[in-house]
C-alpha atoms as a PDB file:
ATOM      1  CA  MET A   1     112.910 306.289 126.964  1.00  0.00           C
ATOM      2  CA  ALA A   2     109.943 308.605 127.561  1.00  0.00           C
ATOM      3  CA  GLU A   3     107.715 308.829 130.662  1.00  0.00           C
ATOM      4  CA  TYR A   4     104.132 309.772 130.574  1.00  0.00           C
ATOM      5  CA  ARG A   5     102.367 310.950 133.578  1.00  0.00           C
ATOM      6  CA  ALA A   6      98.790 311.653 134.754  1.00  0.00           C
ATOM      7  CA  SER A   7      97.219 312.558 138.104  1.00  0.00           C
ATOM      8  CA  ILE A   8      94.043 310.975 139.177  1.00  0.00           C
ATOM      9  CA  ASP A   9      92.084 312.692 141.948  1.00  0.00           C
ATOM     10  CA  TRP A  10      88.936 311.411 143.649  1.00  0.00           C
ATOM     11  CA  THR A  11      87.131 312.594 146.859  1.00  0.00           C
ATOM     12  CA  LEU A  12      84.157 311.146 148.667  1.00  0.00           C
ATOM     13  CA  GLU A  13      81.421 313.567 148.035  1.00  0.00           C
ATOM     14  CA  PRO A  14      79.091 314.683 151.068  1.00  0.00           C
ATOM     15  CA  GLY A  15      76.378 312.241 151.502  1.00  0.00           C
ATOM     16  CA  GLY A  16      78.201 309.290 150.006  1.00  0.00           C
ATOM     17  CA  ASP A  17      78.334 306.077 151.808  1.00  0.00           C
ATOM     18  CA  PHE A  18      81.603 304.442 150.955  1.00  0.00           C
ATOM     19  CA  THR A  19      81.140 301.166 153.039  1.00  0.00           C
ATOM     20  CA  LYS A  20      77.906 300.540 151.223  1.00  0.00           C
ATOM     21  CA  GLY A  21      79.307 301.348 147.798  1.00  0.00           C
ATOM     22  CA  ARG A  22      76.954 304.361 147.421  1.00  0.00           C
ATOM     23  CA  TYR A  23      79.183 306.942 146.317  1.00  0.00           C
ATOM     24  CA  SER A  24      80.057 308.794 143.059  1.00  0.00           C
ATOM     25  CA  ARG A  25      82.868 307.458 140.872  1.00  0.00           C
ATOM     26  CA  ALA A  26      83.456 311.035 139.529  1.00  0.00           C
ATOM     27  CA  HIS A  27      87.170 311.971 139.455  1.00  0.00           C
ATOM     28  CA  THR A  28      89.504 314.040 137.455  1.00  0.00           C
ATOM     29  CA  VAL A  29      92.237 312.816 135.208  1.00  0.00           C
ATOM     30  CA  LYS A  30      94.853 315.506 134.890  1.00  0.00           C
ATOM     31  CA  PHE A  31      97.490 315.582 132.245  1.00  0.00           C
ATOM     32  CA  ALA A  32     100.365 318.107 131.702  1.00  0.00           C
ATOM     33  CA  GLU A  33      98.159 320.548 129.854  1.00  0.00           C
ATOM     34  CA  HIS A  34      94.427 319.663 130.571  1.00  0.00           C
ATOM     35  CA  THR A  35      92.023 317.959 132.867  1.00  0.00           C
ATOM     36  CA  VAL A  36      89.381 315.498 131.910  1.00  0.00           C
ATOM     37  CA  PRO A  37      86.389 314.543 133.975  1.00  0.00           C
ATOM     38  CA  GLY A  38      86.580 310.728 134.636  1.00  0.00           C
ATOM     39  CA  THR A  39      84.116 308.121 136.012  1.00  0.00           C
ATOM     40  CA  ALA A  40      83.720 304.470 136.251  1.00  0.00           C
ATOM     41  CA  SER A  41      81.753 302.939 133.418  1.00  0.00           C
ATOM     42  CA  ARG A  42      77.942 303.154 133.831  1.00  0.00           C
ATOM     43  CA  HIS A  43      77.962 299.494 132.614  1.00  0.00           C
ATOM     44  CA  VAL A  44      79.791 298.519 135.675  1.00  0.00           C
ATOM     45  CA  VAL A  45      78.483 300.918 138.429  1.00  0.00           C
ATOM     46  CA  GLY A  46      75.107 302.115 137.048  1.00  0.00           C
ATOM     47  CA  LYS A  47      73.791 305.301 138.537  1.00  0.00           C
ATOM     48  CA  TRP A  48      77.063 305.959 140.512  1.00  0.00           C
ATOM     49  CA  ALA A  49      78.842 306.903 137.242  1.00  0.00           C
ATOM     50  CA  ALA A  50      79.272 310.558 136.639  1.00  0.00           C
ATOM     51  CA  PRO A  51      77.447 311.894 133.594  1.00  0.00           C
ATOM     52  CA  GLY A  52      79.530 313.808 131.057  1.00  0.00           C
ATOM     53  CA  ALA A  53      82.716 312.018 132.092  1.00  0.00           C
ATOM     54  CA  VAL A  54      84.895 309.498 130.285  1.00  0.00           C
ATOM     55  CA  ASP A  55      85.557 306.016 131.695  1.00  0.00           C
ATOM     56  CA  PRO A  56      88.796 303.988 131.621  1.00  0.00           C
ATOM     57  CA  GLU A  57      87.371 301.546 129.061  1.00  0.00           C
ATOM     58  CA  GLU A  58      86.408 304.537 126.655  1.00  0.00           C
ATOM     59  CA  MET A  59      89.824 306.049 127.218  1.00  0.00           C
ATOM     60  CA  LEU A  60      91.409 302.637 126.220  1.00  0.00           C
ATOM     61  CA  VAL A  61      89.421 302.441 123.063  1.00  0.00           C
ATOM     62  CA  ALA A  62      90.120 305.972 122.089  1.00  0.00           C
ATOM     63  CA  SER A  63      93.885 305.492 122.908  1.00  0.00           C
ATOM     64  CA  ILE A  64      94.020 302.435 120.514  1.00  0.00           C
ATOM     65  CA  SER A  65      92.227 304.216 117.816  1.00  0.00           C
ATOM     66  CA  THR A  66      94.181 307.469 118.150  1.00  0.00           C
ATOM     67  CA  CYS A  67      97.504 305.672 118.141  1.00  0.00           C
ATOM     68  CA  HIS A  68      96.587 303.598 115.102  1.00  0.00           C
ATOM     69  CA  MET A  69      95.404 306.737 113.279  1.00  0.00           C
ATOM     70  CA  LEU A  70      98.518 308.667 114.044  1.00  0.00           C
ATOM     71  CA  THR A  71     100.779 305.713 112.980  1.00  0.00           C
ATOM     72  CA  PHE A  72      98.662 305.075 109.882  1.00  0.00           C
ATOM     73  CA  LEU A  73      99.069 308.735 108.776  1.00  0.00           C
ATOM     74  CA  HIS A  74     102.856 308.363 109.212  1.00  0.00           C
ATOM     75  CA  VAL A  75     103.162 305.053 107.400  1.00  0.00           C
ATOM     76  CA  ALA A  76     100.877 306.215 104.559  1.00  0.00           C
ATOM     77  CA  ARG A  77     102.776 309.501 104.193  1.00  0.00           C
ATOM     78  CA  LEU A  78     105.973 307.558 103.945  1.00  0.00           C
ATOM     79  CA  LYS A  79     104.507 305.395 101.121  1.00  0.00           C
ATOM     80  CA  GLY A  80     103.623 308.550  99.178  1.00  0.00           C
ATOM     81  CA  PHE A  81      99.903 308.906  99.941  1.00  0.00           C
ATOM     82  CA  VAL A  82      98.221 312.104 100.795  1.00  0.00           C
ATOM     83  CA  ILE A  83      95.397 311.820 103.419  1.00  0.00           C
ATOM     84  CA  THR A  84      93.117 314.712 103.906  1.00  0.00           C
ATOM     85  CA  HIS A  85      90.620 313.339 106.350  1.00  0.00           C
ATOM     86  CA  TYR A  86      90.566 310.330 108.786  1.00  0.00           C
ATOM     87  CA  ARG A  87      87.575 309.503 110.938  1.00  0.00           C
ATOM     88  CA  ASP A  88      87.115 306.533 113.059  1.00  0.00           C
ATOM     89  CA  GLU A  89      84.251 305.168 115.294  1.00  0.00           C
ATOM     90  CA  PRO A  90      86.087 302.505 117.243  1.00  0.00           C
ATOM     91  CA  VAL A  91      84.042 299.951 119.261  1.00  0.00           C
ATOM     92  CA  GLY A  92      85.454 297.946 122.203  1.00  0.00           C
ATOM     93  CA  VAL A  93      83.894 294.967 123.688  1.00  0.00           C
ATOM     94  CA  MET A  94      84.162 294.090 127.435  1.00  0.00           C
ATOM     95  CA  GLU A  95      83.599 290.431 128.308  1.00  0.00           C
ATOM     96  CA  LYS A  96      85.271 287.666 130.150  1.00  0.00           C
ATOM     97  CA  ASP A  97      88.521 286.589 128.701  1.00  0.00           C
ATOM     98  CA  ALA A  98      90.106 283.094 128.448  1.00  0.00           C
ATOM     99  CA  GLU A  99      90.914 283.220 132.170  1.00  0.00           C
ATOM    100  CA  GLY A 100      87.347 284.255 133.159  1.00  0.00           C
ATOM    101  CA  ARG A 101      88.178 287.771 134.055  1.00  0.00           C
ATOM    102  CA  MET A 102      86.485 290.869 132.701  1.00  0.00           C
ATOM    103  CA  ALA A 103      88.561 292.723 130.071  1.00  0.00           C
ATOM    104  CA  VAL A 104      88.286 294.766 126.941  1.00  0.00           C
ATOM    105  CA  THR A 105      88.946 291.716 124.778  1.00  0.00           C
ATOM    106  CA  ARG A 106      88.787 293.339 121.358  1.00  0.00           C
ATOM    107  CA  VAL A 107      88.509 296.695 119.764  1.00  0.00           C
ATOM    108  CA  THR A 108      87.310 297.150 116.138  1.00  0.00           C
ATOM    109  CA  LEU A 109      88.536 300.240 114.298  1.00  0.00           C
ATOM    110  CA  ARG A 110      86.284 301.510 111.396  1.00  0.00           C
ATOM    111  CA  PRO A 111      88.278 304.268 109.812  1.00  0.00           C
ATOM    112  CA  GLU A 112      86.938 306.392 106.901  1.00  0.00           C
ATOM    113  CA  ILE A 113      89.855 307.793 105.054  1.00  0.00           C
ATOM    114  CA  THR A 114      89.887 310.375 102.300  1.00  0.00           C
ATOM    115  CA  TYR A 115      92.872 310.707 100.064  1.00  0.00           C
ATOM    116  CA  GLU A 116      93.974 313.267  97.682  1.00  0.00           C
ATOM    117  CA  GLY A 117      95.447 311.891  94.514  1.00  0.00           C
ATOM    118  CA  PRO A 118      96.193 308.053  94.306  1.00  0.00           C
ATOM    119  CA  ARG A 119      94.478 305.820  96.779  1.00  0.00           C
ATOM    120  CA  PRO A 120      95.890 302.359  97.829  1.00  0.00           C
ATOM    121  CA  GLY A 121      94.438 299.315  96.414  1.00  0.00           C
ATOM    122  CA  GLU A 122      92.748 296.829  98.884  1.00  0.00           C
ATOM    123  CA  ALA A 123      95.914 294.749  99.397  1.00  0.00           C
ATOM    124  CA  GLU A 124      98.085 297.857  99.798  1.00  0.00           C
ATOM    125  CA  ARG A 125      95.596 299.437 102.145  1.00  0.00           C
ATOM    126  CA  ASP A 126      95.477 296.241 104.243  1.00  0.00           C
ATOM    127  CA  ALA A 127      99.366 296.332 104.429  1.00  0.00           C
ATOM    128  CA  LEU A 128      99.408 299.981 105.512  1.00  0.00           C
ATOM    129  CA  HIS A 129      96.955 299.112 108.366  1.00  0.00           C
ATOM    130  CA  HIS A 130      99.097 295.992 109.354  1.00  0.00           C
ATOM    131  CA  GLU A 131     102.144 298.078 109.489  1.00  0.00           C
ATOM    132  CA  ALA A 132     100.515 300.815 111.455  1.00  0.00           C
ATOM    133  CA  HIS A 133      99.230 298.205 113.961  1.00  0.00           C
ATOM    134  CA  GLU A 134     102.676 296.716 114.200  1.00  0.00           C
ATOM    135  CA  GLU A 135     104.252 300.064 114.880  1.00  0.00           C
ATOM    136  CA  CYS A 136     101.545 301.405 117.223  1.00  0.00           C
ATOM    137  CA  PHE A 137     102.952 301.910 120.726  1.00  0.00           C
ATOM    138  CA  ILE A 138      99.570 301.300 122.370  1.00  0.00           C
ATOM    139  CA  ALA A 139      98.665 298.168 120.346  1.00  0.00           C
ATOM    140  CA  ASN A 140     102.150 296.864 121.343  1.00  0.00           C
ATOM    141  CA  SER A 141     101.124 297.686 125.032  1.00  0.00           C
ATOM    142  CA  VAL A 142      97.838 295.642 125.310  1.00  0.00           C
ATOM    143  CA  LYS A 143      96.650 292.168 124.790  1.00  0.00           C
ATOM    144  CA  THR A 144      93.381 293.283 123.398  1.00  0.00           C
ATOM    145  CA  VAL A 145      92.689 291.984 119.845  1.00  0.00           C
ATOM    146  CA  VAL A 146      92.514 294.991 117.553  1.00  0.00           C
ATOM    147  CA  LYS A 147      90.783 294.696 114.214  1.00  0.00           C
ATOM    148  CA  VAL A 148      90.606 297.241 111.440  1.00  0.00           C
ATOM    149  CA  GLU A 149      87.579 297.412 109.099  1.00  0.00           C
ATOM    150  CA  GLU A 150      88.087 300.457 106.961  1.00  0.00           C
ATOM    151  CA  ALA A 151      85.165 301.796 105.250  1.00  0.00           C
ATOM    152  CA  THR A 152      85.461 303.172 101.770  1.00  0.00           C
ATOM    153  CA  ALA A 153      85.317 306.926 101.894  1.00  0.00           C
ATOM    154  CA  ALA A 154      83.837 308.962  99.126  1.00  0.00           C
ATOM    155  CA  ALA A 155      86.480 310.440  96.750  1.00  0.00           C
END
């Protein structure tokens, strides 16, 4: 078993009016070795979002993408493939779920992968992504639908 910790810190800034909802959502997300500026999504709180900060929905999408990438690299290596570059521009969609609650209901990963030497065929590539998805700790932790649409990278 492993534990993962973070520290979230928010303070009402001078001039903010908490009771009327007029306050900055800027906060810090501190991990063991670094701190990230955080905010609520501008799609949710508009002008009260902090510019230049990351919101929870973005962190979720990035977490899913990062976990898939790291797991994919491991699975591909075990199958004998050499990957020299992996780039993804994932997109998460927030909408009402089946219960009528707002949720990040799906995330589409769009990796572009460059191989050195042999490349997997389409069926083998799909199997690698499937195995990576099945083994990804974050994908196993969320109910968000994760779809992979790998782009063909130049050789």
